[in-house]
Amino acid sequence: MSPTSAPSRRRTGNRAVRSPLARFLVRRIVTALLLAVGITLVTFVLTNLVPGDPVAANLGQRALGDPAIVAQWRADHGLDRPLPQQYLMHLEGLLHGDLGTSQQSHRPVLDDLAESVPATLELAGAAILVSLVLGVGFGVVAALRRDRLSDHVLRVLSLVGISVPTFWLALVAFYVFFFRLQITPGSGRIDPGMTPPPQVTGLYTVDALLSGRWDVLSSAAGHLAAPALVLALYTIGLLTRFTRSAVLEVLGQDYVRSARAKGLPGRVVLFRYVLRPALVPVITVAGLAFGSLLSGTVLVEAVFAWPGVGQYAYRSATTLDLPAVMGVGLVVGVVYLVINLVVDVLYGVIDPRVRVS
């Protein structure tokens, strides 16, 4: 081995560490960790600012008349201590993976969320997948056929998707397709009396596929279709309009006209020169839309009796279950952080200029 080989390897390793993409990822991860701490503070403060007395909501009026019972309940739940001390206790519990105990179910909040989060992830994941395929596809078609009949039809449909209230659409879809036409199955994640698949991910469709339970897979997919399509309609309209604008902007660039002047096939020009730069702003909208789907499924879950985070958050808020409310807020905040981190990484992969900005 030559004496210069080891320093050469060290220099190569240092260059790898100091690469623009590595620095970009490190900055984003550090920022995400700092924001995670801020999320814990915001959720704690906002939860404690909610009007109402959690003691009255959980004990009832008869027990509320006994000062000894009230004092004991507040002491058991740490509500007799100053707010800064309560926040430090909350942080200490988070560091040990403890989100507290639900005052309604009397179970660890982490266990309750472990049951409800996968249901919402499955619903929102299916909705965003349908939205990306249809929304981006419709947007590209509308841009390539600008001012033609298909463009006008897609723009009208996208406007309808954005304008129709999701809760109203959920009620109409449930009434028409289940109650009247009996095309779709009823509420819940699987048919009544059917045993859920062995839990691996908590997503019934994925777990049924992994365990080979084809009957459960068919039932879970059927129950998932209607709420996912209802939830996806707004995002499809949003992505259609946004993708159309982004593609039209790129189509007017000089390098696209040069590629066409060289005689390159239309498919090559579209996928190599148009879609890649056009996807950068579309990724931002898709990331925000996915976060909105995760945190905005309350009404759709209520209509279709989907046992997700939305239902859990609603029950916790109406009963002033503070540990559960803070747990839901933390989960939603962390989901947004993860989505933004993924979006930033995709930025760096698609557009090298972002890495050095």
Protein backbone atom coordinates (compact mmCIF):
# COMPACT_ATOMS: atom_id res chain seq x y z
CA MET A 1 0.00 0.00 0.00
CA SER A 2 1.39 3.38 -0.94
CA PRO A 3 1.90 5.94 1.84
CA THR A 4 -0.45 8.34 0.12
CA SER A 5 -3.39 5.95 0.06
CA ALA A 6 -4.56 6.54 3.66
CA PRO A 7 -4.54 10.35 3.47
CA SER A 8 -6.27 10.02 0.11
CA ARG A 9 -9.06 8.01 1.69
CA ARG A 10 -9.37 10.52 4.53
CA ARG A 11 -9.62 13.38 2.08
CA THR A 12 -12.25 11.48 0.10
CA GLY A 13 -14.24 10.80 3.28
CA ASN A 14 -14.00 14.44 4.34
CA ARG A 15 -15.21 15.56 0.94
CA ALA A 16 -18.17 13.18 1.26
CA VAL A 17 -19.05 14.60 4.66
CA ARG A 18 -18.67 18.14 3.38
CA SER A 19 -20.74 17.49 0.26
CA PRO A 20 -23.59 19.96 -0.34
CA LEU A 21 -26.26 17.27 0.01
CA ALA A 22 -24.84 16.03 3.34
CA ARG A 23 -24.66 19.56 4.76
CA PHE A 24 -28.17 20.19 3.50
CA LEU A 25 -29.54 17.09 5.26
CA VAL A 26 -27.71 17.84 8.52
CA ARG A 27 -29.13 21.37 8.61
CA ARG A 28 -32.66 20.10 7.99
CA ILE A 29 -32.42 17.38 10.66
CA VAL A 30 -31.10 19.80 13.30
CA THR A 31 -33.85 22.26 12.44
CA ALA A 32 -36.46 19.50 12.72
CA LEU A 33 -35.22 18.51 16.20
CA LEU A 34 -35.40 22.11 17.41
CA LEU A 35 -38.89 22.47 15.99
CA ALA A 36 -39.94 19.24 17.73
CA VAL A 37 -39.05 20.81 21.09
CA GLY A 38 -41.03 23.90 20.10
CA ILE A 39 -44.02 21.72 19.23
CA THR A 40 -44.05 20.21 22.72
CA LEU A 41 -44.12 23.71 24.23
CA VAL A 42 -46.86 24.97 21.90
CA THR A 43 -49.11 21.94 22.44
CA PHE A 44 -48.65 22.15 26.20
CA VAL A 45 -49.42 25.87 26.38
CA LEU A 46 -52.41 25.75 24.01
CA THR A 47 -53.88 22.73 25.78
CA ASN A 48 -53.72 24.46 29.15
CA LEU A 49 -55.28 27.61 27.68
CA VAL A 50 -58.42 25.71 26.61
CA PRO A 51 -61.41 27.06 28.56
CA GLY A 52 -63.00 24.60 30.93
CA ASP A 53 -62.10 22.64 34.01
CA PRO A 54 -60.74 19.13 33.41
CA VAL A 55 -61.65 18.23 36.99
CA ALA A 56 -65.34 18.94 36.37
CA ALA A 57 -65.22 17.18 32.99
CA ASN A 58 -63.79 13.99 34.47
CA LEU A 59 -65.24 13.77 37.97
CA GLY A 60 -68.77 15.08 37.48
CA GLN A 61 -70.77 17.43 39.65
CA ARG A 62 -71.28 15.10 42.62
CA ALA A 63 -67.59 14.36 43.10
CA LEU A 64 -66.77 17.98 42.34
CA GLY A 65 -68.56 19.02 45.53
CA ASP A 66 -66.02 17.13 47.68
CA PRO A 67 -62.83 19.22 48.06
CA ALA A 68 -60.84 16.19 49.22
CA ILE A 69 -61.65 14.22 46.08
CA VAL A 70 -60.86 17.22 43.88
CA ALA A 71 -57.53 17.81 45.61
CA GLN A 72 -56.58 14.14 45.35
CA TRP A 73 -57.48 14.01 41.63
CA ARG A 74 -55.46 17.14 40.86
CA ALA A 75 -52.50 15.75 42.80
CA ASP A 76 -52.69 12.38 41.01
CA HIS A 77 -52.57 14.11 37.61
CA GLY A 78 -49.99 16.74 38.55
CA LEU A 79 -52.42 19.65 38.12
CA ASP A 80 -51.61 21.05 41.57
CA ARG A 81 -48.11 22.05 40.47
CA PRO A 82 -47.02 25.23 38.66
CA LEU A 83 -47.24 25.15 34.85
CA PRO A 84 -43.44 25.30 34.28
CA GLN A 85 -43.01 22.26 36.51
CA GLN A 86 -45.84 20.48 34.71
CA TYR A 87 -44.11 21.16 31.38
CA LEU A 88 -40.79 19.80 32.67
CA MET A 89 -42.60 16.68 33.88
CA HIS A 90 -44.19 16.41 30.44
CA LEU A 91 -40.78 16.64 28.73
CA GLU A 92 -39.30 14.07 31.10
CA GLY A 93 -42.10 11.68 30.26
CA LEU A 94 -41.60 12.22 26.51
CA LEU A 95 -37.90 11.40 26.83
CA HIS A 96 -38.91 8.06 28.38
CA GLY A 97 -41.61 7.40 25.78
CA ASP A 98 -44.42 8.23 28.18
CA LEU A 99 -47.21 10.48 26.84
CA GLY A 100 -49.22 10.20 30.04
CA THR A 101 -52.38 8.30 30.89
CA SER A 102 -55.71 9.07 29.29
CA GLN A 103 -58.22 10.35 31.81
CA GLN A 104 -61.05 8.69 29.88
CA SER A 105 -59.76 5.27 28.82
CA HIS A 106 -57.34 5.02 31.80
CA ARG A 107 -54.79 3.59 29.42
CA PRO A 108 -51.42 5.00 28.34
CA VAL A 109 -51.97 7.60 25.63
CA LEU A 110 -49.22 5.93 23.61
CA ASP A 111 -51.25 2.69 23.51
CA ASP A 112 -54.38 4.56 22.40
CA LEU A 113 -52.46 6.35 19.65
CA ALA A 114 -50.83 3.09 18.56
CA GLU A 115 -54.33 1.83 17.72
CA SER A 116 -55.72 4.99 16.10
CA VAL A 117 -52.72 6.40 14.22
CA PRO A 118 -52.33 3.42 11.80
CA ALA A 119 -56.00 3.71 10.83
CA THR A 120 -55.58 7.38 9.93
CA LEU A 121 -52.26 6.72 8.19
CA GLU A 122 -53.92 4.06 6.05
CA LEU A 123 -56.79 6.38 5.12
CA ALA A 124 -54.61 9.45 4.46
CA GLY A 125 -51.96 7.38 2.66
CA ALA A 126 -54.51 5.93 0.26
CA ALA A 127 -56.01 9.39 -0.29
CA ILE A 128 -52.68 11.06 -1.07
CA LEU A 129 -51.64 8.19 -3.37
CA VAL A 130 -54.84 8.57 -5.39
CA SER A 131 -54.42 12.35 -5.33
CA LEU A 132 -50.86 12.21 -6.67
CA VAL A 133 -51.68 9.80 -9.48
CA LEU A 134 -54.85 11.54 -10.62
CA GLY A 135 -53.98 15.13 -9.70
CA VAL A 136 -50.53 15.19 -11.31
CA GLY A 137 -51.76 13.19 -14.30
CA PHE A 138 -54.74 15.47 -14.89
CA GLY A 139 -52.55 18.55 -14.47
CA VAL A 140 -50.03 17.35 -17.06
CA VAL A 141 -52.80 16.48 -19.53
CA ALA A 142 -54.47 19.86 -19.01
CA ALA A 143 -51.17 21.69 -19.59
CA LEU A 144 -50.27 19.73 -22.72
CA ARG A 145 -53.77 20.30 -24.15
CA ARG A 146 -54.05 23.91 -23.13
CA ASP A 147 -57.28 25.71 -24.10
CA ARG A 148 -58.75 22.55 -25.63
CA LEU A 149 -61.93 20.79 -24.54
CA SER A 150 -60.12 18.35 -22.25
CA ASP A 151 -58.31 21.24 -20.56
CA HIS A 152 -61.55 23.09 -19.87
CA VAL A 153 -63.24 19.93 -18.55
CA LEU A 154 -60.38 19.13 -16.18
CA ARG A 155 -60.25 22.70 -14.91
CA VAL A 156 -63.98 22.66 -14.17
CA LEU A 157 -63.71 19.31 -12.39
CA SER A 158 -60.76 20.54 -10.34
CA LEU A 159 -62.73 23.63 -9.35
CA VAL A 160 -65.63 21.43 -8.24
CA GLY A 161 -63.25 19.28 -6.19
CA ILE A 162 -61.85 22.30 -4.40
CA SER A 163 -65.24 23.90 -3.81
CA VAL A 164 -67.33 20.97 -2.51
CA PRO A 165 -67.18 20.69 1.33
CA THR A 166 -65.63 17.39 2.35
CA PHE A 167 -68.11 16.65 5.14
CA TRP A 168 -71.08 17.17 2.79
CA LEU A 169 -69.51 14.97 0.14
CA ALA A 170 -68.86 12.27 2.75
CA LEU A 171 -72.51 12.28 3.83
CA VAL A 172 -73.75 12.17 0.22
CA ALA A 173 -71.33 9.39 -0.74
CA PHE A 174 -72.28 7.28 2.28
CA TYR A 175 -76.00 7.76 1.67
CA VAL A 176 -75.93 7.15 -2.09
CA PHE A 177 -73.34 4.42 -2.52
CA PHE A 178 -74.00 2.46 0.70
CA PHE A 179 -77.58 3.13 1.79
CA ARG A 180 -79.27 3.52 -1.59
CA LEU A 181 -77.18 1.64 -4.16
CA GLN A 182 -75.38 -0.73 -1.73
CA ILE A 183 -72.25 -0.63 -3.90
CA THR A 184 -69.77 0.09 -1.12
CA PRO A 185 -69.56 -1.68 2.26
CA GLY A 186 -70.69 0.04 5.44
CA SER A 187 -68.75 1.76 8.17
CA GLY A 188 -65.60 0.59 9.90
CA ARG A 189 -62.37 -0.85 8.54
CA ILE A 190 -63.56 -4.42 7.81
CA ASP A 191 -66.84 -6.31 7.71
CA PRO A 192 -68.56 -7.03 11.06
CA GLY A 193 -67.58 -10.39 12.52
CA MET A 194 -64.36 -10.58 10.50
CA THR A 195 -61.15 -11.03 12.49
CA PRO A 196 -58.48 -8.38 11.86
CA PRO A 197 -55.19 -9.64 10.39
CA PRO A 198 -52.16 -10.24 12.64
CA GLN A 199 -50.80 -6.80 13.48
CA VAL A 200 -47.47 -5.92 11.90
CA THR A 201 -47.91 -2.34 10.72
CA GLY A 202 -51.45 -1.63 11.92
CA LEU A 203 -52.56 -1.03 8.32
CA TYR A 204 -55.20 -3.66 7.63
CA THR A 205 -54.54 -3.81 3.88
CA VAL A 206 -50.78 -4.25 4.35
CA ASP A 207 -51.09 -6.70 7.25
CA ALA A 208 -53.68 -8.79 5.37
CA LEU A 209 -51.37 -8.90 2.36
CA LEU A 210 -48.39 -9.95 4.50
CA SER A 211 -50.37 -12.69 6.25
CA GLY A 212 -52.08 -13.95 3.09
CA ARG A 213 -55.58 -13.15 4.40
CA TRP A 214 -57.13 -12.41 1.02
CA ASP A 215 -60.68 -12.17 2.37
CA VAL A 216 -59.59 -9.55 4.90
CA LEU A 217 -57.62 -7.73 2.20
CA SER A 218 -60.68 -7.53 -0.04
CA SER A 219 -62.87 -6.33 2.82
CA ALA A 220 -60.34 -3.75 4.04
CA ALA A 221 -59.79 -2.39 0.53
CA GLY A 222 -63.54 -2.12 -0.04
CA HIS A 223 -64.06 -0.25 3.22
CA LEU A 224 -61.08 2.01 2.45
CA ALA A 225 -62.14 3.00 -1.08
CA ALA A 226 -65.07 5.34 -0.36
CA PRO A 227 -63.57 7.45 2.48
CA ALA A 228 -60.21 7.66 0.70
CA LEU A 229 -61.80 8.91 -2.53
CA VAL A 230 -63.95 11.42 -0.63
CA LEU A 231 -60.91 12.67 1.26
CA ALA A 232 -58.82 12.81 -1.92
CA LEU A 233 -61.24 14.87 -4.04
CA TYR A 234 -60.10 18.26 -2.70
CA THR A 235 -56.41 17.33 -3.06
CA ILE A 236 -56.95 16.05 -6.60
CA GLY A 237 -58.46 19.39 -7.60
CA LEU A 238 -55.66 21.30 -5.89
CA LEU A 239 -52.87 19.25 -7.48
CA THR A 240 -54.51 19.37 -10.91
CA ARG A 241 -54.57 23.15 -10.96
CA PHE A 242 -51.12 23.55 -9.42
CA THR A 243 -49.49 20.96 -11.71
CA ARG A 244 -51.05 22.57 -14.76
CA SER A 245 -49.59 25.96 -13.82
CA ALA A 246 -46.15 24.51 -13.04
CA VAL A 247 -45.96 22.52 -16.29
CA LEU A 248 -47.12 25.49 -18.38
CA GLU A 249 -44.40 27.65 -16.81
CA VAL A 250 -41.70 25.10 -17.65
CA LEU A 251 -43.00 24.55 -21.19
CA GLY A 252 -42.27 28.20 -21.93
CA GLN A 253 -38.59 27.94 -20.98
CA ASP A 254 -35.89 28.26 -23.64
CA TYR A 255 -34.26 24.90 -22.90
CA VAL A 256 -37.56 23.10 -23.56
CA ARG A 257 -37.92 24.84 -26.92
CA SER A 258 -34.31 23.93 -27.71
CA ALA A 259 -34.95 20.28 -26.87
CA ARG A 260 -37.93 20.26 -29.20
CA ALA A 261 -35.91 22.01 -31.91
CA LYS A 262 -33.32 19.20 -31.73
CA GLY A 263 -36.03 16.76 -32.74
CA LEU A 264 -36.20 14.86 -29.44
CA PRO A 265 -39.32 12.71 -28.98
CA GLY A 266 -42.14 14.33 -27.05
CA ARG A 267 -41.96 11.66 -24.34
CA VAL A 268 -38.27 12.39 -23.72
CA VAL A 269 -38.88 16.13 -23.57
CA LEU A 270 -41.77 15.66 -21.13
CA PHE A 271 -40.07 13.34 -18.66
CA ARG A 272 -36.50 14.66 -18.88
CA TYR A 273 -36.91 18.40 -19.38
CA VAL A 274 -40.41 19.30 -18.17
CA LEU A 275 -41.57 17.11 -15.30
CA ARG A 276 -38.43 17.25 -13.17
CA PRO A 277 -38.33 21.05 -12.69
CA ALA A 278 -42.13 21.23 -12.60
CA LEU A 279 -42.30 18.72 -9.73
CA VAL A 280 -40.38 20.95 -7.31
CA PRO A 281 -43.33 23.23 -6.42
CA VAL A 282 -45.78 20.34 -6.76
CA ILE A 283 -43.90 18.43 -4.03
CA THR A 284 -44.49 21.32 -1.63
CA VAL A 285 -48.23 21.28 -2.23
CA ALA A 286 -48.36 17.48 -1.96
CA GLY A 287 -46.49 17.51 1.35
CA LEU A 288 -48.77 20.12 2.86
CA ALA A 289 -51.81 18.30 1.49
CA PHE A 290 -50.73 15.04 3.12
CA GLY A 291 -50.29 16.78 6.45
CA SER A 292 -53.73 18.34 6.08
CA LEU A 293 -55.23 14.95 5.28
CA LEU A 294 -53.75 13.44 8.44
CA SER A 295 -54.99 16.23 10.68
CA GLY A 296 -58.27 16.92 8.90
CA THR A 297 -59.94 13.52 8.78
CA VAL A 298 -62.25 14.13 11.74
CA LEU A 299 -65.48 14.60 9.78
CA VAL A 300 -64.77 11.83 7.25
CA GLU A 301 -63.89 9.43 10.06
CA ALA A 302 -67.09 10.38 11.87
CA VAL A 303 -69.28 9.71 8.81
CA PHE A 304 -67.66 6.37 7.97
CA ALA A 305 -67.06 5.36 11.63
CA TRP A 306 -63.34 5.10 10.94
CA PRO A 307 -61.50 4.55 14.27
CA GLY A 308 -58.62 6.95 13.62
CA VAL A 309 -56.86 9.91 15.21
CA GLY A 310 -59.69 12.26 14.26
CA GLN A 311 -62.24 10.36 16.34
CA TYR A 312 -59.79 10.01 19.22
CA ALA A 313 -58.97 13.73 19.15
CA TYR A 314 -62.66 14.67 19.10
CA ARG A 315 -63.50 12.50 22.11
CA SER A 316 -60.46 13.78 23.99
CA ALA A 317 -61.29 17.43 23.29
CA THR A 318 -64.95 17.13 24.33
CA THR A 319 -63.99 15.52 27.66
CA LEU A 320 -60.96 17.79 28.30
CA ASP A 321 -58.66 14.77 28.40
CA LEU A 322 -55.50 16.91 28.50
CA PRO A 323 -52.86 14.13 28.18
CA ALA A 324 -54.69 12.70 25.16
CA VAL A 325 -55.09 16.13 23.56
CA MET A 326 -51.38 16.87 24.01
CA GLY A 327 -50.53 13.44 22.60
CA VAL A 328 -52.60 14.05 19.48
CA GLY A 329 -51.09 17.51 19.03
CA LEU A 330 -47.60 16.10 19.35
CA VAL A 331 -48.29 13.34 16.82
CA VAL A 332 -49.74 15.78 14.27
CA GLY A 333 -46.81 18.16 14.76
CA VAL A 334 -44.24 15.40 14.35
CA VAL A 335 -46.01 14.20 11.21
CA TYR A 336 -45.73 17.68 9.72
CA LEU A 337 -42.04 17.79 10.63
CA VAL A 338 -41.37 14.43 9.00
CA ILE A 339 -43.27 15.42 5.87
CA ASN A 340 -41.37 18.70 5.61
CA LEU A 341 -38.09 16.85 6.09
CA VAL A 342 -38.99 14.40 3.32
CA VAL A 343 -40.01 17.31 1.07
CA ASP A 344 -36.68 19.04 1.75
CA VAL A 345 -34.77 15.86 0.91
CA LEU A 346 -36.71 15.47 -2.33
CA TYR A 347 -35.91 19.11 -3.11
CA GLY A 348 -32.21 18.37 -2.78
CA VAL A 349 -32.47 15.26 -4.95
CA ILE A 350 -34.52 16.85 -7.72
CA ASP A 351 -32.98 20.34 -7.80
CA PRO A 352 -29.22 20.52 -7.02
CA ARG A 353 -29.47 24.31 -6.63
CA VAL A 354 -31.36 23.80 -3.35
CA ARG A 355 -28.42 21.97 -1.77
CA VAL A 356 -26.09 24.94 -1.98
CA SER A 357 -28.64 27.69 -1.30
